[in-house]
Amino acid sequence: MVSSDAKEVFIQGITRAGRTFRPSDWAERLAGVMSQFRPGGAQPGSHLSYSPWCVPTVINGIKCVIVNSELRKAEPMAWDFVLNFAKDNDLQVGEACLLPEDRQPRA
């Protein structure tokens, strides 16, 4: 379960059993489906780039999709779709939050 204060969710291309998820382009496909959900809504040609709210990437050699919590605010059904995709495929999901900057001078 993803907490409500998570700023980003990382869906990893590894199942809970430790197997690599297939097909190998799953992250690009998922992000492509989500490309229409973006700040300001879908625009002509927006299907040609990934949404900043759902970005495929590789972290430590593992394909991942990073999903920003802004998607949940703007399109709750799209957020549910992405999380249900991870759940249905038994993918590992991690959370990230922004840490406050330490503005205190160090001694």
Protein backbone atom coordinates (compact mmCIF):
# COMPACT_ATOMS: atom_id res chain seq x y z
CA MET A 1 0.00 0.00 0.00
CA VAL A 2 1.24 3.47 -0.88
CA SER A 3 1.03 6.14 1.81
CA SER A 4 -0.82 9.36 1.09
CA ASP A 5 2.25 11.53 1.76
CA ALA A 6 4.52 9.82 -0.79
CA LYS A 7 5.68 12.36 -3.38
CA GLU A 8 6.79 9.71 -5.86
CA VAL A 9 6.20 6.01 -6.30
CA PHE A 10 8.79 3.80 -7.94
CA ILE A 11 7.37 0.77 -9.74
CA GLN A 12 10.27 -1.62 -10.29
CA GLY A 13 10.45 -4.22 -13.04
CA ILE A 14 11.14 -6.93 -10.48
CA THR A 15 8.42 -9.18 -9.11
CA ARG A 16 8.19 -9.85 -5.39
CA ALA A 17 9.64 -13.29 -6.17
CA GLY A 18 12.72 -11.53 -7.62
CA ARG A 19 12.06 -12.27 -11.29
CA THR A 20 12.60 -9.70 -14.03
CA PHE A 21 9.26 -8.55 -15.40
CA ARG A 22 8.59 -9.11 -19.09
CA PRO A 23 8.18 -7.79 -21.72
CA SER A 24 11.40 -5.83 -21.57
CA ASP A 25 9.70 -2.61 -22.74
CA TRP A 26 6.96 -2.69 -20.10
CA ALA A 27 8.05 0.63 -18.55
CA GLU A 28 7.93 2.49 -21.84
CA ARG A 29 4.54 0.97 -22.67
CA LEU A 30 3.05 1.92 -19.31
CA ALA A 31 4.44 5.46 -19.49
CA GLY A 32 3.18 5.72 -23.07
CA VAL A 33 -0.36 4.85 -22.01
CA MET A 34 -0.12 7.48 -19.28
CA SER A 35 1.31 10.19 -21.59
CA GLN A 36 -2.06 11.94 -21.92
CA PHE A 37 -2.19 12.66 -18.18
CA ARG A 38 -0.10 15.76 -17.70
CA PRO A 39 -0.21 19.28 -16.29
CA GLY A 40 -2.72 21.25 -18.33
CA GLY A 41 -4.28 18.08 -19.76
CA ALA A 42 -3.73 16.38 -23.08
CA GLN A 43 -2.71 18.66 -25.94
CA PRO A 44 -2.24 17.95 -29.64
CA GLY A 45 0.97 15.96 -29.93
CA SER A 46 1.25 15.23 -26.20
CA HIS A 47 1.18 11.51 -26.98
CA LEU A 48 4.66 11.99 -28.47
CA SER A 49 6.31 12.54 -25.10
CA TYR A 50 6.02 11.04 -21.66
CA SER A 51 4.03 12.80 -18.99
CA PRO A 52 6.21 14.37 -16.29
CA TRP A 53 3.96 12.50 -13.84
CA CYS A 54 4.85 9.03 -15.19
CA VAL A 55 8.39 8.55 -16.44
CA PRO A 56 10.21 5.36 -17.39
CA THR A 57 13.82 5.09 -16.23
CA VAL A 58 16.50 2.61 -15.23
CA ILE A 59 17.79 2.57 -11.65
CA ASN A 60 20.69 0.28 -10.76
CA GLY A 61 20.07 -1.70 -13.93
CA ILE A 62 16.36 -2.26 -13.16
CA LYS A 63 13.64 -0.79 -15.37
CA CYS A 64 11.29 1.39 -13.33
CA VAL A 65 8.47 3.83 -13.75
CA ILE A 66 8.47 6.86 -11.49
CA VAL A 67 4.95 8.10 -10.80
CA ASN A 68 4.53 11.54 -9.26
CA SER A 69 1.77 12.13 -6.71
CA GLU A 70 0.48 15.04 -8.80
CA LEU A 71 -1.12 12.37 -10.98
CA ARG A 72 -3.22 11.24 -8.00
CA LYS A 73 -4.46 14.81 -7.47
CA ALA A 74 -5.25 15.47 -11.13
CA GLU A 75 -6.50 12.06 -12.27
CA PRO A 76 -7.31 9.64 -9.43
CA MET A 77 -8.44 6.90 -11.83
CA ALA A 78 -5.16 7.08 -13.75
CA TRP A 79 -3.28 6.83 -10.42
CA ASP A 80 -5.33 3.76 -9.51
CA PHE A 81 -4.65 2.24 -12.92
CA VAL A 82 -0.88 2.52 -12.50
CA LEU A 83 -0.90 1.12 -8.96
CA ASN A 84 -3.24 -1.70 -9.96
CA PHE A 85 -0.91 -2.53 -12.86
CA ALA A 86 1.90 -2.97 -10.34
CA LYS A 87 -0.29 -4.99 -8.00
CA ASP A 88 -1.74 -7.22 -10.73
CA ASN A 89 1.75 -8.02 -12.00
CA ASP A 90 3.21 -8.50 -8.50
CA LEU A 91 5.80 -5.76 -9.05
CA GLN A 92 7.83 -4.22 -6.28
CA VAL A 93 6.76 -0.68 -5.38
CA GLY A 94 8.74 1.83 -3.34
CA GLU A 95 7.95 5.30 -2.11
CA ALA A 96 9.96 8.48 -2.10
CA CYS A 97 9.44 11.75 -0.34
CA LEU A 98 11.27 15.02 -0.48
CA LEU A 99 13.45 15.68 2.50
CA PRO A 100 13.56 19.20 3.87
CA GLU A 101 16.75 21.03 3.12
CA ASP A 102 18.99 21.55 6.11
CA ARG A 103 19.47 25.31 6.20
CA GLN A 104 21.33 25.35 9.50
CA PRO A 105 25.04 26.17 9.26
CA ARG A 106 27.27 23.29 10.23
CA ALA A 107 29.81 23.83 12.94
